[in-house]
Amino acid sequence: MIVRPAELRDAPGIAAALNPVIRDTTISFKPNELSLSEVDELISNAAGIFVAEDQGAIIGYASYDQFRKGAGYARSMEHSIILTPDARGKGVGRILMRAVEDHARTAGVGSLWAGVSGENPGGVVFHARLGFETVAVLPKVGFKFNRWLDLTLMRKWLQPMGDDAPGSY
């Protein structure tokens, strides 16, 4: 298995990993599967996006981009990570997250955020094991499959914090 920056040629593999999660679960609050052009846009516009590839097949991806728009949020990023069912529990997620964190840290990102569905307790455990802390649980902020969903916000600091932090405005 290798982890590398995503390229446009990876769009079908990323879509194949992501769309079943969108279609069949509440791990993602997205209501509609992504088209290949939307995945191309994700690859082209993310601050960082990496794929895990095994024997030529995409088995997962992780990306990050600005948490909220505006210059004041330029050092806070939110990430996404999706693995195919066969890749789960084998350390692939940790390796992808290491790539995201290293890339973000090098870019001067201060904090990395995860928004984890309240119906994905494994996602909370995964992030906690990587050093993310739960900052808030937002009750009933998502809606999918005709029900309200909670969102757990988790954060990991990537840089020394304080007034002298690199890249301060």
C-alpha atoms as a PDB file:
ATOM      1  CA  MET A   1       0.000   0.000   0.000  1.00  0.00           C
ATOM      2  CA  ILE A   2       1.154   3.522  -0.754  1.00  0.00           C
ATOM      3  CA  VAL A   3      -0.181   6.910   0.311  1.00  0.00           C
ATOM      4  CA  ARG A   4       0.340   9.762  -2.126  1.00  0.00           C
ATOM      5  CA  PRO A   5      -1.187  13.087  -3.138  1.00  0.00           C
ATOM      6  CA  ALA A   6      -4.398  12.599  -5.106  1.00  0.00           C
ATOM      7  CA  GLU A   7      -4.457  13.281  -8.832  1.00  0.00           C
ATOM      8  CA  LEU A   8      -7.409  13.845 -11.155  1.00  0.00           C
ATOM      9  CA  ARG A   9      -7.035  10.268 -12.416  1.00  0.00           C
ATOM     10  CA  ASP A  10      -8.031   9.144  -8.886  1.00  0.00           C
ATOM     11  CA  ALA A  11     -11.542  10.631  -9.126  1.00  0.00           C
ATOM     12  CA  PRO A  12     -13.279   7.326 -10.007  1.00  0.00           C
ATOM     13  CA  GLY A  13     -11.583   5.520  -7.110  1.00  0.00           C
ATOM     14  CA  ILE A  14     -12.377   8.297  -4.640  1.00  0.00           C
ATOM     15  CA  ALA A  15     -15.993   8.364  -5.824  1.00  0.00           C
ATOM     16  CA  ALA A  16     -16.206   4.563  -5.464  1.00  0.00           C
ATOM     17  CA  ALA A  17     -15.046   4.839  -1.828  1.00  0.00           C
ATOM     18  CA  LEU A  18     -17.103   7.916  -0.934  1.00  0.00           C
ATOM     19  CA  ASN A  19     -20.433   7.446  -2.676  1.00  0.00           C
ATOM     20  CA  PRO A  20     -21.560   4.308  -0.785  1.00  0.00           C
ATOM     21  CA  VAL A  21     -20.904   6.191   2.476  1.00  0.00           C
ATOM     22  CA  ILE A  22     -23.029   9.101   1.212  1.00  0.00           C
ATOM     23  CA  ARG A  23     -25.756   6.844  -0.178  1.00  0.00           C
ATOM     24  CA  ASP A  24     -26.027   4.260   2.610  1.00  0.00           C
ATOM     25  CA  THR A  25     -24.876   5.798   5.913  1.00  0.00           C
ATOM     26  CA  THR A  26     -25.102   8.784   8.219  1.00  0.00           C
ATOM     27  CA  ILE A  27     -21.311   8.998   8.454  1.00  0.00           C
ATOM     28  CA  SER A  28     -21.684  11.780   5.880  1.00  0.00           C
ATOM     29  CA  PHE A  29     -24.579  14.221   6.040  1.00  0.00           C
ATOM     30  CA  LYS A  30     -24.355  14.780   2.262  1.00  0.00           C
ATOM     31  CA  PRO A  31     -27.686  13.816   0.699  1.00  0.00           C
ATOM     32  CA  ASN A  32     -26.456  13.083  -2.827  1.00  0.00           C
ATOM     33  CA  GLU A  33     -23.602  11.085  -4.292  1.00  0.00           C
ATOM     34  CA  LEU A  34     -20.828  13.096  -5.939  1.00  0.00           C
ATOM     35  CA  SER A  35     -20.346  13.070  -9.698  1.00  0.00           C
ATOM     36  CA  LEU A  36     -16.885  12.574 -11.162  1.00  0.00           C
ATOM     37  CA  SER A  37     -16.737  16.287 -11.992  1.00  0.00           C
ATOM     38  CA  GLU A  38     -17.507  17.133  -8.346  1.00  0.00           C
ATOM     39  CA  VAL A  39     -14.737  14.787  -7.202  1.00  0.00           C
ATOM     40  CA  ASP A  40     -12.406  16.420  -9.757  1.00  0.00           C
ATOM     41  CA  GLU A  41     -13.294  19.754  -8.163  1.00  0.00           C
ATOM     42  CA  LEU A  42     -12.559  18.367  -4.697  1.00  0.00           C
ATOM     43  CA  ILE A  43      -9.152  17.133  -5.849  1.00  0.00           C
ATOM     44  CA  SER A  44      -8.356  20.426  -7.563  1.00  0.00           C
ATOM     45  CA  ASN A  45      -9.489  22.728  -4.753  1.00  0.00           C
ATOM     46  CA  ALA A  46      -8.652  21.011  -1.456  1.00  0.00           C
ATOM     47  CA  ALA A  47      -5.771  22.439   0.539  1.00  0.00           C
ATOM     48  CA  GLY A  48      -4.487  18.852   0.696  1.00  0.00           C
ATOM     49  CA  ILE A  49      -5.852  15.505  -0.465  1.00  0.00           C
ATOM     50  CA  PHE A  50      -4.206  12.095  -0.292  1.00  0.00           C
ATOM     51  CA  VAL A  51      -5.170   8.621  -1.436  1.00  0.00           C
ATOM     52  CA  ALA A  52      -4.240   5.188  -0.144  1.00  0.00           C
ATOM     53  CA  GLU A  53      -3.643   2.836  -3.054  1.00  0.00           C
ATOM     54  CA  ASP A  54      -3.243  -0.916  -2.872  1.00  0.00           C
ATOM     55  CA  GLN A  55      -2.391  -2.909  -5.993  1.00  0.00           C
ATOM     56  CA  GLY A  56      -3.631  -0.069  -8.183  1.00  0.00           C
ATOM     57  CA  ALA A  57      -6.966   0.385  -6.388  1.00  0.00           C
ATOM     58  CA  ILE A  58      -7.943   3.371  -4.224  1.00  0.00           C
ATOM     59  CA  ILE A  59      -8.828   2.022  -0.772  1.00  0.00           C
ATOM     60  CA  GLY A  60      -9.320   5.369   0.933  1.00  0.00           C
ATOM     61  CA  TYR A  61      -8.677   9.067   0.879  1.00  0.00           C
ATOM     62  CA  ALA A  62      -8.240  11.955   3.295  1.00  0.00           C
ATOM     63  CA  SER A  63      -8.498  15.644   2.541  1.00  0.00           C
ATOM     64  CA  TYR A  64      -8.545  18.953   4.324  1.00  0.00           C
ATOM     65  CA  ASP A  65      -9.604  22.481   3.576  1.00  0.00           C
ATOM     66  CA  GLN A  66     -10.397  25.683   5.411  1.00  0.00           C
ATOM     67  CA  PHE A  67     -12.811  25.190   8.321  1.00  0.00           C
ATOM     68  CA  ARG A  68     -14.794  28.341   7.502  1.00  0.00           C
ATOM     69  CA  LYS A  69     -14.286  30.967   4.834  1.00  0.00           C
ATOM     70  CA  GLY A  70     -12.461  34.209   5.559  1.00  0.00           C
ATOM     71  CA  ALA A  71      -8.924  35.223   6.452  1.00  0.00           C
ATOM     72  CA  GLY A  72      -9.549  34.859  10.169  1.00  0.00           C
ATOM     73  CA  TYR A  73      -9.985  31.102   9.702  1.00  0.00           C
ATOM     74  CA  ALA A  74      -7.013  30.607   7.376  1.00  0.00           C
ATOM     75  CA  ARG A  75      -5.111  28.502   9.932  1.00  0.00           C
ATOM     76  CA  SER A  76      -8.036  26.260  10.940  1.00  0.00           C
ATOM     77  CA  MET A  77      -8.823  23.334   8.657  1.00  0.00           C
ATOM     78  CA  GLU A  78     -11.477  20.635   8.620  1.00  0.00           C
ATOM     79  CA  HIS A  79     -10.652  17.217   7.284  1.00  0.00           C
ATOM     80  CA  SER A  80     -12.508  14.261   5.815  1.00  0.00           C
ATOM     81  CA  ILE A  81     -11.406  10.656   5.718  1.00  0.00           C
ATOM     82  CA  ILE A  82     -13.133   7.757   3.981  1.00  0.00           C
ATOM     83  CA  LEU A  83     -11.952   4.161   3.742  1.00  0.00           C
ATOM     84  CA  THR A  84     -13.369   1.277   1.767  1.00  0.00           C
ATOM     85  CA  PRO A  85     -14.818  -1.453   4.014  1.00  0.00           C
ATOM     86  CA  ASP A  86     -11.868  -3.785   3.293  1.00  0.00           C
ATOM     87  CA  ALA A  87      -9.353  -1.122   4.390  1.00  0.00           C
ATOM     88  CA  ARG A  88     -10.875  -0.457   7.814  1.00  0.00           C
ATOM     89  CA  GLY A  89      -9.070  -1.658  10.912  1.00  0.00           C
ATOM     90  CA  LYS A  90      -5.747  -2.174   9.125  1.00  0.00           C
ATOM     91  CA  GLY A  91      -3.956   1.089   9.931  1.00  0.00           C
ATOM     92  CA  VAL A  92      -4.780   2.733   6.591  1.00  0.00           C
ATOM     93  CA  GLY A  93      -6.675   5.566   8.286  1.00  0.00           C
ATOM     94  CA  ARG A  94      -3.754   6.349  10.591  1.00  0.00           C
ATOM     95  CA  ILE A  95      -1.358   6.501   7.664  1.00  0.00           C
ATOM     96  CA  LEU A  96      -3.676   8.772   5.675  1.00  0.00           C
ATOM     97  CA  MET A  97      -4.168  11.049   8.674  1.00  0.00           C
ATOM     98  CA  ARG A  98      -0.404  11.266   9.214  1.00  0.00           C
ATOM     99  CA  ALA A  99      -0.061  12.487   5.607  1.00  0.00           C
ATOM    100  CA  VAL A 100      -2.801  15.084   6.126  1.00  0.00           C
ATOM    101  CA  GLU A 101      -1.367  16.267   9.441  1.00  0.00           C
ATOM    102  CA  ASP A 102       2.206  16.505   8.119  1.00  0.00           C
ATOM    103  CA  HIS A 103       1.064  18.426   5.040  1.00  0.00           C
ATOM    104  CA  ALA A 104      -1.126  20.778   7.091  1.00  0.00           C
ATOM    105  CA  ARG A 105       1.568  21.340   9.723  1.00  0.00           C
ATOM    106  CA  THR A 106       4.111  22.219   7.024  1.00  0.00           C
ATOM    107  CA  ALA A 107       1.583  24.667   5.540  1.00  0.00           C
ATOM    108  CA  GLY A 108       1.319  26.450   8.911  1.00  0.00           C
ATOM    109  CA  VAL A 109      -2.105  25.142   9.877  1.00  0.00           C
ATOM    110  CA  GLY A 110      -2.752  25.639  13.592  1.00  0.00           C
ATOM    111  CA  SER A 111      -5.683  23.318  14.182  1.00  0.00           C
ATOM    112  CA  LEU A 112      -7.279  20.441  12.357  1.00  0.00           C
ATOM    113  CA  TRP A 113     -10.991  19.809  12.937  1.00  0.00           C
ATOM    114  CA  ALA A 114     -13.157  16.733  12.525  1.00  0.00           C
ATOM    115  CA  GLY A 115     -16.942  16.800  12.357  1.00  0.00           C
ATOM    116  CA  VAL A 116     -18.063  13.289  13.285  1.00  0.00           C
ATOM    117  CA  SER A 117     -21.657  12.085  12.993  1.00  0.00           C
ATOM    118  CA  GLY A 118     -23.300  11.208  16.278  1.00  0.00           C
ATOM    119  CA  GLU A 119     -24.117   7.861  14.685  1.00  0.00           C
ATOM    120  CA  ASN A 120     -20.426   7.127  14.085  1.00  0.00           C
ATOM    121  CA  PRO A 121     -18.978   6.356  17.536  1.00  0.00           C
ATOM    122  CA  GLY A 122     -16.092   4.507  15.866  1.00  0.00           C
ATOM    123  CA  GLY A 123     -15.121   7.780  14.211  1.00  0.00           C
ATOM    124  CA  VAL A 124     -14.936   9.497  17.603  1.00  0.00           C
ATOM    125  CA  VAL A 125     -12.739   6.691  18.980  1.00  0.00           C
ATOM    126  CA  PHE A 126     -10.515   6.799  15.867  1.00  0.00           C
ATOM    127  CA  HIS A 127      -9.942  10.537  16.201  1.00  0.00           C
ATOM    128  CA  ALA A 128      -9.381  10.364  19.973  1.00  0.00           C
ATOM    129  CA  ARG A 129      -6.670   7.753  19.418  1.00  0.00           C
ATOM    130  CA  LEU A 130      -4.989  10.199  17.014  1.00  0.00           C
ATOM    131  CA  GLY A 131      -4.948  12.952  19.640  1.00  0.00           C
ATOM    132  CA  PHE A 132      -8.144  14.813  18.729  1.00  0.00           C
ATOM    133  CA  GLU A 133     -10.191  16.138  21.632  1.00  0.00           C
ATOM    134  CA  THR A 134     -13.947  16.562  21.689  1.00  0.00           C
ATOM    135  CA  VAL A 135     -14.729  20.258  21.827  1.00  0.00           C
ATOM    136  CA  ALA A 136     -18.502  20.210  21.393  1.00  0.00           C
ATOM    137  CA  VAL A 137     -21.461  18.071  20.510  1.00  0.00           C
ATOM    138  CA  LEU A 138     -23.929  19.981  18.379  1.00  0.00           C
ATOM    139  CA  PRO A 139     -27.339  18.377  18.819  1.00  0.00           C
ATOM    140  CA  LYS A 140     -29.599  17.888  15.834  1.00  0.00           C
ATOM    141  CA  VAL A 141     -27.640  19.963  13.298  1.00  0.00           C
ATOM    142  CA  GLY A 142     -27.760  17.390  10.486  1.00  0.00           C
ATOM    143  CA  PHE A 143     -30.754  15.817   8.809  1.00  0.00           C
ATOM    144  CA  LYS A 144     -30.639  12.660   6.741  1.00  0.00           C
ATOM    145  CA  PHE A 145     -32.843   9.606   6.230  1.00  0.00           C
ATOM    146  CA  ASN A 146     -35.738  11.547   7.757  1.00  0.00           C
ATOM    147  CA  ARG A 147     -34.094  12.042  11.145  1.00  0.00           C
ATOM    148  CA  TRP A 148     -32.030  14.648  12.977  1.00  0.00           C
ATOM    149  CA  LEU A 149     -28.358  13.905  13.613  1.00  0.00           C
ATOM    150  CA  ASP A 150     -25.868  15.176  16.178  1.00  0.00           C
ATOM    151  CA  LEU A 151     -22.375  16.293  15.203  1.00  0.00           C
ATOM    152  CA  THR A 152     -19.305  15.865  17.402  1.00  0.00           C
ATOM    153  CA  LEU A 153     -16.643  18.508  16.774  1.00  0.00           C
ATOM    154  CA  MET A 154     -13.109  17.351  17.543  1.00  0.00           C
ATOM    155  CA  ARG A 155      -9.863  19.332  17.308  1.00  0.00           C
ATOM    156  CA  LYS A 156      -6.159  18.593  17.183  1.00  0.00           C
ATOM    157  CA  TRP A 157      -3.542  21.309  17.585  1.00  0.00           C
ATOM    158  CA  LEU A 158      -0.769  21.043  15.016  1.00  0.00           C
ATOM    159  CA  GLN A 159       1.410  24.054  15.898  1.00  0.00           C
ATOM    160  CA  PRO A 160       2.604  25.727  19.068  1.00  0.00           C
ATOM    161  CA  MET A 161      -0.232  28.027  20.102  1.00  0.00           C
ATOM    162  CA  GLY A 162      -0.053  31.537  21.476  1.00  0.00           C
ATOM    163  CA  ASP A 163       0.604  35.073  20.366  1.00  0.00           C
ATOM    164  CA  ASP A 164       3.971  34.112  18.879  1.00  0.00           C
ATOM    165  CA  ALA A 165       2.568  31.231  16.804  1.00  0.00           C
ATOM    166  CA  PRO A 166       4.042  31.094  13.303  1.00  0.00           C
ATOM    167  CA  GLY A 167       1.900  32.774  10.699  1.00  0.00           C
ATOM    168  CA  SER A 168       0.018  35.036  13.119  1.00  0.00           C
ATOM    169  CA  TYR A 169      -1.922  37.802  11.452  1.00  0.00           C
END
